[in-house]
Amino acid sequence: MSINDTSTTLSSWARVVCNAIDAKDADSAKLLTLAGIKPDVLNDPEGRIPVSKMSQLWELAVEATGDEAFGLSVPPFVQPTTFHALGFSLMVSATLRDAWARTQRYYKVVSDVLDVQIQEYGTESALCYVTIPGKVYAKEAIDAFIATMIALSAGVTSGSAKPTKVEFERAEPLNRTPFEKAFPCDIHFGAERNQIFFTNEDLDRPLATANRDIALKNDEVVQSYLSRLLKKSLAKQVTERIIISLSMGEPNQEVIANSLHMSSRSLQRKLKEETTSFRQLLNEVRKDLAKNYLASSQQSVIEIAYQLGFQDPSNFTRAFKRWFGLSPSVFRQQSGGRIKTP
């Protein structure tokens, strides 16, 4: 299990992706099998799918359809229930900004591979999909998320609210035309963040569909589901705390156990029930972060070693050779670090 496998996506989102695949005359059932996703999970309203497998599905969908902008074809298949009760809450929010706040608060219901933030810039604001260190997502998923949010915004405002600008971290596609058709605004690629910009006037205008009582009732359902979700995987919570602790040195099992209000022994026992251990999670985090840092940053090997909590860089080099069969320096030289994980 890699660090990315601890991240999950709501299965109903995968069902929407499959509908978009079928609409392009490709075989979604075949692609699900190739991605290692069991079709039955699509019918579970609270089912979850590892983001690593969803990323494979996105890649296979692009290959099968021949459509580099495949993610933009997803929004028409989104239903109010696609995002659990969150979809209904967004539809009856007081304003678009209120809907954004709910998206920020409850986005982990949809997927926990990204953080959502709201940034204010003078006369406009941006909804940002922020990368979490060590986690990898498909660029097509971001295309679909942004296109879906813009479609939902248009729906609840009867088309009166339009984005002023959209920014993507992804490289510019070979063909910009599908993006220009999907987004009636300025589009920028190779940006620092994935962001959607709207004017504050549009964001703060009262919505005709607003219903505070219904919104709060749906919030309760979302909160209940999110609470159950977070309790399902202790390994996921430990992994997040390990990532935060790495910059301060070797993550301490007892300290992390205390932060979760349990003893180190209880933590060890509960992780064993999830077929993992603290040491295994620590190694997986370091392994994935090491690969990502070496492939995408200009930091020296020594700097990366300290950033991963190794007090002695030589220990990092030995660990890296054990993981990948070659040294960090050689890894960095080989095709931007693109090698197969043993």
Protein backbone atom coordinates (compact mmCIF):
# COMPACT_ATOMS: atom_id res chain seq x y z
CA MET A 1 0.00 0.00 0.00
CA SER A 2 1.42 3.39 -0.98
CA ILE A 3 0.62 6.72 0.59
CA ASN A 4 -1.70 7.47 -2.32
CA ASP A 5 -3.72 4.34 -1.59
CA THR A 6 -4.82 5.84 1.72
CA SER A 7 -6.67 8.56 -0.20
CA THR A 8 -10.15 7.74 -1.47
CA THR A 9 -12.88 9.10 -3.71
CA LEU A 10 -16.63 8.71 -3.35
CA SER A 11 -17.75 5.78 -5.54
CA SER A 12 -20.68 7.77 -6.97
CA TRP A 13 -18.11 10.09 -8.59
CA ALA A 14 -16.61 7.04 -10.32
CA ARG A 15 -20.09 6.12 -11.57
CA VAL A 16 -20.38 9.57 -13.18
CA VAL A 17 -16.99 9.07 -14.85
CA CYS A 18 -18.18 5.69 -16.19
CA ASN A 19 -21.32 7.30 -17.63
CA ALA A 20 -19.13 9.82 -19.45
CA ILE A 21 -16.94 6.97 -20.76
CA ASP A 22 -19.95 5.06 -22.08
CA ALA A 23 -21.32 8.20 -23.74
CA LYS A 24 -18.16 8.29 -25.85
CA ASP A 25 -18.75 4.70 -27.01
CA ALA A 26 -15.98 3.26 -24.84
CA ASP A 27 -16.48 0.28 -22.50
CA SER A 28 -16.49 1.50 -18.91
CA ALA A 29 -16.89 -2.03 -17.51
CA LYS A 30 -13.67 -3.09 -19.22
CA LEU A 31 -11.82 -0.02 -17.98
CA LEU A 32 -13.03 -0.63 -14.40
CA THR A 33 -11.57 -4.12 -14.56
CA LEU A 34 -8.26 -2.84 -15.90
CA ALA A 35 -8.14 -0.25 -13.10
CA GLY A 36 -8.86 -2.92 -10.46
CA ILE A 37 -12.21 -1.40 -9.44
CA LYS A 38 -15.08 -3.74 -8.60
CA PRO A 39 -18.29 -2.62 -10.37
CA ASP A 40 -20.40 -3.41 -7.29
CA VAL A 41 -18.86 -0.51 -5.36
CA LEU A 42 -20.45 1.97 -7.78
CA ASN A 43 -23.87 1.08 -6.38
CA ASP A 44 -22.85 1.68 -2.76
CA PRO A 45 -23.94 5.25 -1.82
CA GLU A 46 -21.18 5.38 0.80
CA GLY A 47 -18.59 3.34 -1.10
CA ARG A 48 -15.03 4.59 -1.47
CA ILE A 49 -12.42 3.91 -4.16
CA PRO A 50 -8.63 4.43 -3.71
CA VAL A 51 -7.48 7.53 -5.57
CA SER A 52 -4.64 5.47 -7.07
CA LYS A 53 -7.23 3.30 -8.86
CA MET A 54 -9.31 6.32 -9.87
CA SER A 55 -6.19 7.86 -11.41
CA GLN A 56 -5.77 4.68 -13.45
CA LEU A 57 -9.39 4.93 -14.57
CA TRP A 58 -8.89 8.52 -15.71
CA GLU A 59 -5.77 7.53 -17.64
CA LEU A 60 -7.54 4.59 -19.27
CA ALA A 61 -10.53 6.79 -20.14
CA VAL A 62 -8.33 9.29 -21.97
CA GLU A 63 -6.62 6.45 -23.84
CA ALA A 64 -9.89 4.70 -24.76
CA THR A 65 -11.70 7.85 -25.89
CA GLY A 66 -8.71 9.58 -27.45
CA ASP A 67 -9.91 12.75 -25.72
CA GLU A 68 -7.22 14.70 -23.87
CA ALA A 69 -9.96 16.91 -22.41
CA PHE A 70 -12.11 13.97 -21.31
CA GLY A 71 -12.58 15.44 -17.80
CA LEU A 72 -14.62 18.29 -19.30
CA SER A 73 -17.27 15.82 -20.52
CA VAL A 74 -18.18 14.71 -16.98
CA PRO A 75 -20.44 17.54 -15.59
CA PRO A 76 -23.58 16.67 -17.63
CA PHE A 77 -23.74 13.32 -15.80
CA VAL A 78 -23.48 14.78 -12.29
CA GLN A 79 -26.64 14.37 -10.19
CA PRO A 80 -27.56 15.99 -6.83
CA THR A 81 -26.73 12.66 -5.13
CA THR A 82 -23.29 12.37 -6.75
CA PHE A 83 -21.66 14.14 -3.82
CA HIS A 84 -23.78 12.46 -1.13
CA ALA A 85 -25.92 15.00 0.77
CA LEU A 86 -23.39 17.75 0.00
CA GLY A 87 -24.90 18.22 -3.45
CA PHE A 88 -28.29 19.15 -1.98
CA SER A 89 -26.66 21.50 0.53
CA LEU A 90 -24.91 23.37 -2.27
CA MET A 91 -28.17 23.75 -4.20
CA VAL A 92 -29.99 25.43 -1.31
CA SER A 93 -27.11 27.57 0.05
CA ALA A 94 -27.79 31.25 0.66
CA THR A 95 -25.17 32.48 -1.83
CA LEU A 96 -22.43 31.05 -4.03
CA ARG A 97 -19.92 32.03 -1.35
CA ASP A 98 -21.99 30.07 1.16
CA ALA A 99 -21.87 27.08 -1.23
CA TRP A 100 -18.10 27.49 -1.52
CA ALA A 101 -17.77 27.51 2.25
CA ARG A 102 -19.65 24.20 2.40
CA THR A 103 -17.41 22.80 -0.33
CA GLN A 104 -14.36 23.81 1.69
CA ARG A 105 -15.77 22.37 4.91
CA TYR A 106 -16.96 19.04 3.55
CA TYR A 107 -14.86 18.35 0.47
CA LYS A 108 -13.28 15.27 2.05
CA VAL A 109 -16.65 13.60 1.51
CA VAL A 110 -15.87 13.68 -2.22
CA SER A 111 -12.12 13.07 -2.07
CA ASP A 112 -9.33 13.56 0.46
CA VAL A 113 -6.50 13.88 -2.03
CA LEU A 114 -6.84 17.68 -2.14
CA ASP A 115 -7.57 20.56 0.22
CA VAL A 116 -10.08 23.23 -0.76
CA GLN A 117 -9.45 26.87 0.17
CA ILE A 118 -11.14 30.19 -0.53
CA GLN A 119 -8.89 33.15 -1.36
CA GLU A 120 -10.09 36.78 -1.62
CA TYR A 121 -8.47 39.11 -4.16
CA GLY A 122 -9.96 42.60 -4.04
CA THR A 123 -13.11 42.58 -6.18
CA GLU A 124 -13.05 38.81 -6.79
CA SER A 125 -12.41 35.58 -4.92
CA ALA A 126 -11.09 32.16 -5.89
CA LEU A 127 -12.00 28.59 -4.98
CA CYS A 128 -8.69 26.75 -4.83
CA TYR A 129 -7.98 23.02 -5.09
CA VAL A 130 -4.68 22.73 -3.21
CA THR A 131 -2.31 19.80 -3.57
CA ILE A 132 -1.45 17.94 -0.36
CA PRO A 133 2.30 17.06 -0.21
CA GLY A 134 2.93 13.46 -1.19
CA LYS A 135 -0.47 12.88 -2.76
CA VAL A 136 -0.98 12.50 -6.49
CA TYR A 137 -4.14 13.07 -8.49
CA ALA A 138 -5.10 12.86 -12.17
CA LYS A 139 -5.17 16.19 -14.01
CA GLU A 140 -8.39 15.04 -15.68
CA ALA A 141 -10.01 14.83 -12.24
CA ILE A 142 -9.18 18.50 -11.64
CA ASP A 143 -10.55 19.39 -15.08
CA ALA A 144 -13.78 17.61 -14.11
CA PHE A 145 -14.00 19.12 -10.61
CA ILE A 146 -13.56 22.66 -11.92
CA ALA A 147 -15.96 22.14 -14.82
CA THR A 148 -18.53 20.63 -12.44
CA MET A 149 -18.29 23.48 -9.95
CA ILE A 150 -18.76 26.03 -12.73
CA ALA A 151 -21.76 24.08 -14.04
CA LEU A 152 -23.30 23.91 -10.56
CA SER A 153 -22.72 27.65 -10.11
CA ALA A 154 -24.46 28.36 -13.40
CA GLY A 155 -27.34 26.08 -12.40
CA VAL A 156 -28.15 27.69 -9.06
CA THR A 157 -27.83 31.24 -10.49
CA SER A 158 -29.77 30.52 -13.70
CA GLY A 159 -26.61 31.28 -15.63
CA SER A 160 -26.09 34.77 -14.23
CA ALA A 161 -22.82 33.96 -12.44
CA LYS A 162 -19.85 33.29 -14.70
CA PRO A 163 -16.18 32.76 -13.78
CA THR A 164 -13.77 35.57 -14.58
CA LYS A 165 -10.71 33.33 -14.77
CA VAL A 166 -9.68 29.69 -14.38
CA GLU A 167 -6.14 28.58 -13.54
CA PHE A 168 -4.73 25.06 -13.88
CA GLU A 169 -1.51 23.58 -12.51
CA ARG A 170 -1.44 21.19 -15.49
CA ALA A 171 0.61 21.90 -18.58
CA GLU A 172 -1.19 23.47 -21.51
CA PRO A 173 -2.98 20.79 -23.57
CA LEU A 174 -2.16 20.26 -27.22
CA ASN A 175 -5.64 21.52 -28.09
CA ARG A 176 -7.05 24.43 -26.07
CA THR A 177 -10.35 24.53 -27.94
CA PRO A 178 -12.35 22.20 -25.62
CA PHE A 179 -11.26 24.28 -22.62
CA GLU A 180 -12.15 27.55 -24.34
CA LYS A 181 -15.61 26.15 -25.14
CA ALA A 182 -16.12 24.88 -21.58
CA PHE A 183 -14.92 28.01 -19.77
CA PRO A 184 -16.18 31.41 -21.00
CA CYS A 185 -13.32 33.31 -19.35
CA ASP A 186 -9.55 33.71 -19.25
CA ILE A 187 -7.77 30.35 -18.95
CA HIS A 188 -4.23 29.91 -17.68
CA PHE A 189 -2.15 26.72 -17.57
CA GLY A 190 1.05 26.02 -15.61
CA ALA A 191 -0.27 28.06 -12.67
CA GLU A 192 0.72 27.63 -9.03
CA ARG A 193 -2.77 26.43 -8.07
CA ASN A 194 -5.96 25.10 -9.56
CA GLN A 195 -8.38 28.02 -9.05
CA ILE A 196 -11.77 29.30 -10.16
CA PHE A 197 -12.34 33.07 -9.92
CA PHE A 198 -15.73 34.78 -9.57
CA THR A 199 -16.52 38.40 -8.77
CA ASN A 200 -17.47 39.05 -5.17
CA GLU A 201 -20.71 40.59 -6.48
CA ASP A 202 -21.73 37.24 -8.04
CA LEU A 203 -20.57 35.28 -5.02
CA ASP A 204 -22.55 37.36 -2.52
CA ARG A 205 -25.78 37.74 -4.49
CA PRO A 206 -28.69 35.91 -2.71
CA LEU A 207 -29.78 32.74 -4.50
CA ALA A 208 -33.41 32.15 -5.43
CA THR A 209 -33.00 28.47 -4.50
CA ALA A 210 -31.81 29.25 -0.94
CA ASN A 211 -33.43 27.34 1.90
CA ARG A 212 -31.58 27.56 5.20
CA ASP A 213 -33.52 24.80 6.98
CA ILE A 214 -32.96 22.27 4.20
CA ALA A 215 -29.30 23.26 3.95
CA LEU A 216 -28.72 22.72 7.67
CA LYS A 217 -30.51 19.34 7.59
CA ASN A 218 -28.31 18.18 4.74
CA ASP A 219 -25.25 19.52 6.56
CA GLU A 220 -26.11 17.17 9.43
CA VAL A 221 -26.20 14.20 7.05
CA VAL A 222 -22.85 15.21 5.52
CA GLN A 223 -21.27 15.68 8.95
CA SER A 224 -22.49 12.27 10.06
CA TYR A 225 -21.05 10.58 6.98
CA LEU A 226 -17.76 12.46 7.27
CA SER A 227 -17.46 11.45 10.92
CA ARG A 228 -17.97 7.79 10.01
CA LEU A 229 -15.49 8.09 7.17
CA LEU A 230 -12.74 9.52 9.36
CA LYS A 231 -13.27 6.79 11.91
CA LYS A 232 -13.00 4.07 9.27
CA SER A 233 -9.29 4.45 8.72
CA LEU A 234 -6.92 5.10 11.57
CA ALA A 235 -4.07 4.50 9.13
CA LYS A 236 -5.19 7.54 7.14
CA GLN A 237 -5.16 9.76 10.23
CA VAL A 238 -1.73 8.47 11.29
CA THR A 239 -0.38 9.02 7.77
CA GLU A 240 -1.50 12.67 7.80
CA ARG A 241 0.18 13.24 11.16
CA ILE A 242 3.38 11.56 9.99
CA ILE A 243 3.55 13.93 7.00
CA ILE A 244 3.15 16.95 9.28
CA SER A 245 5.75 15.63 11.76
CA LEU A 246 8.48 14.79 9.24
CA SER A 247 9.88 18.33 9.01
CA MET A 248 10.55 18.23 12.75
CA GLY A 249 12.60 15.02 12.60
CA GLU A 250 11.79 11.34 13.08
CA PRO A 251 8.02 11.04 13.73
CA ASN A 252 7.40 9.63 17.19
CA GLN A 253 4.79 6.90 17.56
CA GLU A 254 3.95 7.82 21.14
CA VAL A 255 3.52 11.51 20.34
CA ILE A 256 1.23 10.73 17.40
CA ALA A 257 -0.71 8.22 19.52
CA ASN A 258 -1.24 10.93 22.18
CA SER A 259 -2.50 13.33 19.49
CA LEU A 260 -5.15 10.71 18.67
CA HIS A 261 -6.04 10.34 22.36
CA MET A 262 -4.75 6.78 22.74
CA SER A 263 -1.72 4.94 24.05
CA SER A 264 1.12 3.82 21.81
CA ARG A 265 0.13 0.20 22.46
CA SER A 266 -3.49 0.87 21.49
CA LEU A 267 -2.34 2.60 18.31
CA GLN A 268 -0.18 -0.38 17.45
CA ARG A 269 -3.04 -2.81 18.05
CA LYS A 270 -5.59 -0.81 16.04
CA LEU A 271 -3.20 -0.39 13.11
CA LYS A 272 -2.59 -4.13 13.15
CA GLU A 273 -6.35 -4.60 12.76
CA GLU A 274 -6.06 -2.50 9.59
CA THR A 275 -3.22 -4.80 8.41
CA THR A 276 -0.51 -2.18 8.79
CA SER A 277 1.82 -0.67 11.42
CA PHE A 278 3.32 2.68 12.37
CA ARG A 279 6.70 1.69 10.94
CA GLN A 280 5.12 0.54 7.68
CA LEU A 281 3.15 3.79 7.29
CA LEU A 282 6.27 5.85 8.02
CA ASN A 283 8.25 3.93 5.39
CA GLU A 284 5.47 4.34 2.82
CA VAL A 285 5.23 8.09 3.43
CA ARG A 286 9.00 8.52 3.14
CA LYS A 287 9.18 6.32 0.05
CA ASP A 288 6.49 8.22 -1.85
CA LEU A 289 7.64 11.67 -0.75
CA ALA A 290 11.26 10.85 -1.59
CA LYS A 291 10.27 9.84 -5.12
CA ASN A 292 8.14 12.95 -5.61
CA TYR A 293 10.73 15.36 -4.17
CA LEU A 294 13.57 13.94 -6.27
CA ALA A 295 11.51 13.97 -9.45
CA SER A 296 9.96 17.41 -9.11
CA SER A 297 12.09 19.65 -6.87
CA GLN A 298 15.52 21.25 -7.02
CA GLN A 299 16.41 20.38 -3.43
CA SER A 300 19.65 18.55 -2.81
CA VAL A 301 19.63 14.92 -1.67
CA ILE A 302 20.83 16.04 1.78
CA GLU A 303 18.01 18.61 2.07
CA ILE A 304 15.44 15.98 1.10
CA ALA A 305 16.87 13.54 3.63
CA TYR A 306 16.41 16.05 6.46
CA GLN A 307 12.97 17.00 5.17
CA LEU A 308 11.98 13.33 5.45
CA GLY A 309 13.13 13.17 9.07
CA PHE A 310 16.45 11.35 8.53
CA GLN A 311 19.06 12.69 10.93
CA ASP A 312 21.84 11.07 8.89
CA PRO A 313 21.64 11.48 5.07
CA SER A 314 23.48 8.17 4.62
CA ASN A 315 20.52 6.42 6.25
CA PHE A 316 18.25 8.01 3.65
CA THR A 317 20.51 6.80 0.83
CA ARG A 318 20.49 3.24 2.19
CA ALA A 319 16.72 3.29 2.60
CA PHE A 320 16.25 4.66 -0.92
CA LYS A 321 18.42 1.91 -2.42
CA ARG A 322 16.33 -0.65 -0.54
CA TRP A 323 13.10 0.84 -1.95
CA PHE A 324 14.12 1.39 -5.58
CA GLY A 325 17.35 -0.52 -6.14
CA LEU A 326 19.45 2.55 -6.96
CA SER A 327 20.75 5.68 -5.28
CA PRO A 328 18.79 8.97 -5.03
CA SER A 329 21.23 10.69 -7.40
CA VAL A 330 20.88 8.04 -10.09
CA PHE A 331 17.09 8.05 -9.66
CA ARG A 332 17.02 11.79 -10.29
CA GLN A 333 19.05 11.36 -13.48
CA GLN A 334 16.82 8.67 -14.98
CA SER A 335 14.00 10.15 -17.01
CA GLY A 336 12.98 12.66 -14.37
CA GLY A 337 12.69 9.86 -11.81
CA ARG A 338 10.14 7.84 -13.77
CA ILE A 339 10.88 4.23 -12.84
CA LYS A 340 8.73 1.38 -11.72
CA THR A 341 8.23 0.83 -8.03
CA PRO A 342 9.23 -2.71 -6.99
